[in-house]
Amino acid sequence: MDDIWAYRVSRGGDTSVVALSGEVDMNAEVRLAEVLLAELQQPGTAELRIDLHEVTFLDSSAINVLVQVFNAARESDRQLHLVRAHRTPLKVLEMTGLMPLLALKESDEGVSGPDR
């Protein structure tokens, strides 16, 4: 089965941005965890931002990965933030109660995402 999701990575200073797109579901779980954890562990990375602007679907397995990566970030004294969540992904994240832990305040979104 072909992947129905994709990602792009950009780095600037001590911040890495992983922009996700498409349907991030159980088919993406293993690779998503690998990508996010590897980016979090890049030398010099203090903050990982996950850009959800182009995500059309987010399921519980993706939420599980986000929690796993959040815990890894906390253990390594690094920051993890979700940015540009909207519609369906935003609703799922709000229902799980994760947005207060993972989302940046609008005034804190100074680093550009990959498409800006």
N, C-alpha and C. Protein backbone atom coordinates (compact mmCIF):
# COMPACT_ATOMS: atom_id res chain seq x y z
N MET A 1 0.85 -1.19 0.00
CA MET A 1 0.00 0.00 0.00
C MET A 1 0.89 1.24 0.00
N ASP A 2 0.61 2.19 -0.85
CA ASP A 2 1.37 3.43 -0.93
C ASP A 2 1.09 4.30 0.29
N ASP A 3 2.11 5.03 0.70
CA ASP A 3 1.93 5.98 1.80
C ASP A 3 0.97 7.07 1.36
N ILE A 4 0.11 7.46 2.27
CA ILE A 4 -0.80 8.56 1.99
C ILE A 4 -0.47 9.77 2.86
N TRP A 5 0.76 9.78 3.33
CA TRP A 5 1.26 10.90 4.12
C TRP A 5 2.69 11.18 3.67
N ALA A 6 3.17 12.33 4.02
CA ALA A 6 4.54 12.71 3.67
C ALA A 6 5.05 13.67 4.73
N TYR A 7 6.36 13.93 4.67
CA TYR A 7 6.96 14.89 5.60
C TYR A 7 8.09 15.62 4.91
N ARG A 8 8.37 16.82 5.42
CA ARG A 8 9.51 17.63 4.99
C ARG A 8 10.19 18.14 6.24
N VAL A 9 11.50 18.20 6.21
CA VAL A 9 12.27 18.67 7.36
C VAL A 9 13.02 19.94 6.96
N SER A 10 12.98 20.93 7.83
CA SER A 10 13.82 22.12 7.65
C SER A 10 14.42 22.47 8.99
N ARG A 11 15.60 23.07 8.94
CA ARG A 11 16.31 23.41 10.17
C ARG A 11 16.77 24.86 10.10
N GLY A 12 16.71 25.51 11.23
CA GLY A 12 17.19 26.88 11.34
C GLY A 12 17.64 27.14 12.77
N GLY A 13 18.91 27.42 12.93
CA GLY A 13 19.44 27.62 14.28
C GLY A 13 19.30 26.36 15.10
N ASP A 14 18.69 26.49 16.27
CA ASP A 14 18.51 25.32 17.13
C ASP A 14 17.12 24.71 17.01
N THR A 15 16.38 25.09 15.96
CA THR A 15 15.00 24.61 15.77
C THR A 15 14.89 23.78 14.50
N SER A 16 14.25 22.62 14.63
CA SER A 16 13.91 21.79 13.48
C SER A 16 12.41 21.82 13.30
N VAL A 17 11.98 21.88 12.06
CA VAL A 17 10.55 21.85 11.75
C VAL A 17 10.30 20.64 10.86
N VAL A 18 9.37 19.78 11.30
CA VAL A 18 8.93 18.66 10.48
C VAL A 18 7.51 18.97 10.06
N ALA A 19 7.31 19.19 8.76
CA ALA A 19 6.00 19.49 8.22
C ALA A 19 5.38 18.19 7.72
N LEU A 20 4.25 17.84 8.29
CA LEU A 20 3.54 16.62 7.89
C LEU A 20 2.42 16.99 6.93
N SER A 21 2.06 16.03 6.07
CA SER A 21 0.93 16.25 5.17
C SER A 21 0.21 14.93 4.92
N GLY A 22 -1.04 15.05 4.55
CA GLY A 22 -1.85 13.89 4.22
C GLY A 22 -2.50 13.24 5.43
N GLU A 23 -2.76 11.94 5.30
CA GLU A 23 -3.44 11.17 6.34
C GLU A 23 -2.40 10.47 7.21
N VAL A 24 -2.25 10.96 8.42
CA VAL A 24 -1.25 10.41 9.34
C VAL A 24 -1.99 9.42 10.25
N ASP A 25 -1.88 8.15 9.88
CA ASP A 25 -2.62 7.11 10.59
C ASP A 25 -1.70 5.96 10.97
N MET A 26 -2.29 4.80 11.29
CA MET A 26 -1.49 3.68 11.76
C MET A 26 -0.46 3.20 10.74
N ASN A 27 -0.69 3.45 9.47
CA ASN A 27 0.30 3.08 8.45
C ASN A 27 1.56 3.93 8.55
N ALA A 28 1.44 5.10 9.17
CA ALA A 28 2.57 6.02 9.30
C ALA A 28 3.29 5.87 10.63
N GLU A 29 2.72 5.14 11.57
CA GLU A 29 3.18 5.13 12.95
C GLU A 29 4.67 4.87 13.12
N VAL A 30 5.18 3.80 12.57
CA VAL A 30 6.59 3.43 12.78
C VAL A 30 7.52 4.45 12.15
N ARG A 31 7.28 4.80 10.90
CA ARG A 31 8.15 5.76 10.21
C ARG A 31 8.06 7.14 10.83
N LEU A 32 6.85 7.55 11.23
CA LEU A 32 6.66 8.84 11.87
C LEU A 32 7.49 8.93 13.15
N ALA A 33 7.44 7.89 13.96
CA ALA A 33 8.23 7.87 15.19
C ALA A 33 9.72 7.96 14.88
N GLU A 34 10.17 7.22 13.89
CA GLU A 34 11.59 7.25 13.51
C GLU A 34 12.02 8.65 13.09
N VAL A 35 11.22 9.28 12.24
CA VAL A 35 11.55 10.62 11.72
C VAL A 35 11.59 11.64 12.85
N LEU A 36 10.55 11.66 13.67
CA LEU A 36 10.46 12.67 14.73
C LEU A 36 11.54 12.48 15.80
N LEU A 37 11.76 11.24 16.19
CA LEU A 37 12.79 10.98 17.22
C LEU A 37 14.19 11.29 16.69
N ALA A 38 14.44 10.95 15.44
CA ALA A 38 15.75 11.24 14.84
C ALA A 38 15.98 12.75 14.76
N GLU A 39 14.96 13.48 14.39
CA GLU A 39 15.10 14.93 14.28
C GLU A 39 15.28 15.56 15.66
N LEU A 40 14.57 15.05 16.64
CA LEU A 40 14.70 15.54 18.01
C LEU A 40 16.12 15.33 18.54
N GLN A 41 16.76 14.26 18.10
CA GLN A 41 18.08 13.91 18.60
C GLN A 41 19.23 14.51 17.78
N GLN A 42 18.91 15.30 16.77
CA GLN A 42 19.95 15.95 15.97
C GLN A 42 20.82 16.82 16.87
N PRO A 43 22.13 16.75 16.74
CA PRO A 43 23.00 17.63 17.54
C PRO A 43 22.62 19.09 17.32
N GLY A 44 22.54 19.83 18.41
CA GLY A 44 22.23 21.25 18.33
C GLY A 44 20.75 21.58 18.30
N THR A 45 19.89 20.58 18.25
CA THR A 45 18.45 20.85 18.23
C THR A 45 17.95 21.04 19.66
N ALA A 46 17.37 22.20 19.90
CA ALA A 46 16.78 22.50 21.21
C ALA A 46 15.26 22.43 21.14
N GLU A 47 14.71 22.61 19.93
CA GLU A 47 13.27 22.64 19.76
C GLU A 47 12.87 21.92 18.47
N LEU A 48 11.84 21.10 18.58
CA LEU A 48 11.25 20.44 17.42
C LEU A 48 9.83 20.95 17.27
N ARG A 49 9.54 21.50 16.11
CA ARG A 49 8.18 21.94 15.79
C ARG A 49 7.60 21.00 14.75
N ILE A 50 6.41 20.55 15.02
CA ILE A 50 5.70 19.68 14.08
C ILE A 50 4.58 20.50 13.46
N ASP A 51 4.72 20.75 12.17
CA ASP A 51 3.77 21.58 11.42
C ASP A 51 2.66 20.68 10.88
N LEU A 52 1.43 20.95 11.30
CA LEU A 52 0.29 20.11 10.92
C LEU A 52 -0.61 20.78 9.88
N HIS A 53 -0.13 21.84 9.26
CA HIS A 53 -0.98 22.62 8.34
C HIS A 53 -1.58 21.78 7.20
N GLU A 54 -0.82 20.83 6.68
CA GLU A 54 -1.30 20.05 5.53
C GLU A 54 -1.80 18.66 5.92
N VAL A 55 -2.01 18.42 7.22
CA VAL A 55 -2.54 17.13 7.68
C VAL A 55 -4.05 17.13 7.53
N THR A 56 -4.57 16.10 6.86
CA THR A 56 -6.02 16.00 6.65
C THR A 56 -6.68 15.01 7.58
N PHE A 57 -5.87 14.14 8.21
CA PHE A 57 -6.41 13.13 9.12
C PHE A 57 -5.33 12.76 10.11
N LEU A 58 -5.73 12.57 11.36
CA LEU A 58 -4.80 12.22 12.43
C LEU A 58 -5.51 11.21 13.31
N ASP A 59 -4.95 10.01 13.47
CA ASP A 59 -5.63 9.01 14.30
C ASP A 59 -4.90 8.75 15.61
N SER A 60 -5.40 7.82 16.38
CA SER A 60 -4.86 7.56 17.72
C SER A 60 -3.42 7.04 17.68
N SER A 61 -3.04 6.34 16.63
CA SER A 61 -1.65 5.87 16.55
C SER A 61 -0.70 7.05 16.35
N ALA A 62 -1.11 8.05 15.60
CA ALA A 62 -0.30 9.26 15.43
C ALA A 62 -0.23 10.03 16.75
N ILE A 63 -1.34 10.09 17.46
CA ILE A 63 -1.36 10.74 18.77
C ILE A 63 -0.39 10.03 19.72
N ASN A 64 -0.38 8.70 19.67
CA ASN A 64 0.54 7.91 20.48
C ASN A 64 1.99 8.29 20.18
N VAL A 65 2.32 8.45 18.92
CA VAL A 65 3.68 8.85 18.53
C VAL A 65 4.00 10.24 19.07
N LEU A 66 3.05 11.16 18.97
CA LEU A 66 3.29 12.52 19.48
C LEU A 66 3.57 12.50 20.98
N VAL A 67 2.83 11.68 21.71
CA VAL A 67 3.07 11.57 23.16
C VAL A 67 4.45 10.96 23.42
N GLN A 68 4.81 9.94 22.66
CA GLN A 68 6.12 9.31 22.79
C GLN A 68 7.24 10.33 22.54
N VAL A 69 7.10 11.12 21.50
CA VAL A 69 8.12 12.10 21.16
C VAL A 69 8.14 13.24 22.20
N PHE A 70 6.96 13.63 22.68
CA PHE A 70 6.89 14.64 23.74
C PHE A 70 7.66 14.17 24.97
N ASN A 71 7.45 12.92 25.36
CA ASN A 71 8.16 12.37 26.52
C ASN A 71 9.67 12.32 26.29
N ALA A 72 10.08 11.94 25.08
CA ALA A 72 11.51 11.91 24.75
C ALA A 72 12.11 13.32 24.80
N ALA A 73 11.35 14.29 24.33
CA ALA A 73 11.83 15.68 24.35
C ALA A 73 12.00 16.15 25.79
N ARG A 74 11.04 15.86 26.60
CA ARG A 74 11.10 16.27 28.01
C ARG A 74 12.28 15.63 28.73
N GLU A 75 12.51 14.34 28.45
CA GLU A 75 13.62 13.62 29.08
C GLU A 75 14.99 14.18 28.65
N SER A 76 15.04 14.74 27.45
CA SER A 76 16.32 15.26 26.94
C SER A 76 16.40 16.79 27.04
N ASP A 77 15.50 17.39 27.81
CA ASP A 77 15.47 18.85 28.01
C ASP A 77 15.36 19.61 26.69
N ARG A 78 14.56 19.10 25.79
CA ARG A 78 14.29 19.78 24.53
C ARG A 78 12.80 20.11 24.46
N GLN A 79 12.46 21.03 23.60
CA GLN A 79 11.08 21.46 23.46
C GLN A 79 10.43 20.79 22.25
N LEU A 80 9.16 20.46 22.40
CA LEU A 80 8.36 19.93 21.28
C LEU A 80 7.09 20.74 21.21
N HIS A 81 6.77 21.25 20.02
CA HIS A 81 5.56 22.04 19.84
C HIS A 81 4.89 21.67 18.53
N LEU A 82 3.57 21.67 18.55
CA LEU A 82 2.78 21.52 17.34
C LEU A 82 2.42 22.91 16.86
N VAL A 83 2.51 23.12 15.56
CA VAL A 83 2.16 24.42 14.99
C VAL A 83 1.23 24.23 13.80
N ARG A 84 0.43 25.25 13.57
CA ARG A 84 -0.47 25.34 12.42
C ARG A 84 -1.47 24.19 12.33
N ALA A 85 -1.90 23.68 13.48
CA ALA A 85 -2.95 22.65 13.46
C ALA A 85 -4.27 23.33 13.12
N HIS A 86 -5.09 22.66 12.36
CA HIS A 86 -6.38 23.21 11.96
C HIS A 86 -7.38 22.09 11.75
N ARG A 87 -8.63 22.44 11.64
CA ARG A 87 -9.76 21.54 11.35
C ARG A 87 -9.67 20.20 12.08
N THR A 88 -9.66 19.12 11.33
CA THR A 88 -9.71 17.79 11.92
C THR A 88 -8.56 17.51 12.88
N PRO A 89 -7.30 17.74 12.50
CA PRO A 89 -6.23 17.48 13.47
C PRO A 89 -6.39 18.29 14.75
N LEU A 90 -6.80 19.54 14.60
CA LEU A 90 -6.98 20.40 15.77
C LEU A 90 -8.08 19.84 16.68
N LYS A 91 -9.17 19.41 16.08
CA LYS A 91 -10.27 18.86 16.86
C LYS A 91 -9.83 17.61 17.62
N VAL A 92 -9.08 16.72 16.96
CA VAL A 92 -8.59 15.50 17.60
C VAL A 92 -7.66 15.85 18.76
N LEU A 93 -6.75 16.78 18.54
CA LEU A 93 -5.80 17.18 19.58
C LEU A 93 -6.50 17.85 20.76
N GLU A 94 -7.51 18.65 20.47
CA GLU A 94 -8.27 19.28 21.54
C GLU A 94 -9.04 18.25 22.35
N MET A 95 -9.63 17.25 21.68
CA MET A 95 -10.39 16.22 22.37
C MET A 95 -9.50 15.38 23.28
N THR A 96 -8.25 15.18 22.89
CA THR A 96 -7.34 14.38 23.71
C THR A 96 -6.74 15.18 24.86
N GLY A 97 -6.88 16.49 24.83
CA GLY A 97 -6.31 17.33 25.87
C GLY A 97 -4.84 17.62 25.70
N LEU A 98 -4.28 17.32 24.53
CA LEU A 98 -2.84 17.51 24.29
C LEU A 98 -2.46 18.93 23.87
N MET A 99 -3.38 19.70 23.38
CA MET A 99 -3.04 21.02 22.86
C MET A 99 -2.36 21.91 23.91
N PRO A 100 -2.82 21.95 25.16
CA PRO A 100 -2.11 22.80 26.13
C PRO A 100 -0.65 22.39 26.34
N LEU A 101 -0.34 21.12 26.20
CA LEU A 101 1.04 20.66 26.37
C LEU A 101 1.91 20.92 25.15
N LEU A 102 1.33 20.77 23.97
CA LEU A 102 2.13 20.73 22.75
C LEU A 102 2.05 21.95 21.85
N ALA A 103 1.04 22.78 22.01
CA ALA A 103 0.87 23.88 21.06
C ALA A 103 1.60 25.13 21.52
N LEU A 104 2.14 25.86 20.56
CA LEU A 104 2.74 27.15 20.83
C LEU A 104 1.66 28.20 20.91
N LYS A 105 1.87 29.21 21.74
CA LYS A 105 1.00 30.36 21.71
C LYS A 105 1.28 31.08 20.40
N GLU A 106 0.28 31.72 19.86
CA GLU A 106 0.44 32.39 18.58
C GLU A 106 1.62 33.36 18.57
N SER A 107 1.84 34.05 19.67
CA SER A 107 2.93 35.03 19.72
C SER A 107 4.31 34.38 19.77
N ASP A 108 4.37 33.08 20.02
CA ASP A 108 5.65 32.37 20.12
C ASP A 108 6.07 31.71 18.81
N GLU A 109 5.32 31.86 17.75
CA GLU A 109 5.60 31.13 16.52
C GLU A 109 6.58 31.84 15.61
N GLY A 110 7.63 32.42 16.17
CA GLY A 110 8.57 33.23 15.41
C GLY A 110 9.34 32.50 14.34
N VAL A 111 9.67 31.25 14.50
CA VAL A 111 10.46 30.54 13.50
C VAL A 111 9.56 30.16 12.34
N SER A 112 10.01 30.42 11.17
CA SER A 112 9.23 30.10 9.98
C SER A 112 9.17 28.61 9.76
N GLY A 113 8.04 28.17 9.25
CA GLY A 113 7.90 26.78 8.83
C GLY A 113 8.58 26.61 7.49
N PRO A 114 8.54 25.40 6.94
CA PRO A 114 9.26 25.11 5.71
C PRO A 114 8.74 25.85 4.50
N ASP A 115 7.49 26.30 4.52
CA ASP A 115 6.93 26.93 3.33
C ASP A 115 6.84 28.43 3.44
N ARG A 116 7.42 29.02 4.49
CA ARG A 116 7.29 30.47 4.64
C ARG A 116 8.58 31.16 4.32
